[in-house]
């Protein structure tokens, strides 16, 4: 199985930036607590536009991210409530490490 780096970009509603940050951080904590396939998640906030957030996630494969991970109850719950604090759905892209 190959390694996948997943970039997930969110844009918060301007009036909900702090709420979005807290909700995303809470989601990360849940993923890392109960999903052993997750190899780590880094949360970044745009220095020039605080409504923009980026997650850098490490997974064994794209298939695990899109399959078992996306079906988790905490992911489904986040998706259902995200419209209250996010401008829209995230942009998700898949990357792989390049050996030297």
Foldseek 3Di string as FASTA:
>chain_A
DAKKKKKKKFFWDVVQLVVVVVLVVVLQVVCVVPPPQKPDKDWDADPVHRRMIMITTIGRDPCCCVPVVCPDPSNVVCVVPVVVITPDGIDMDMDHDDDD
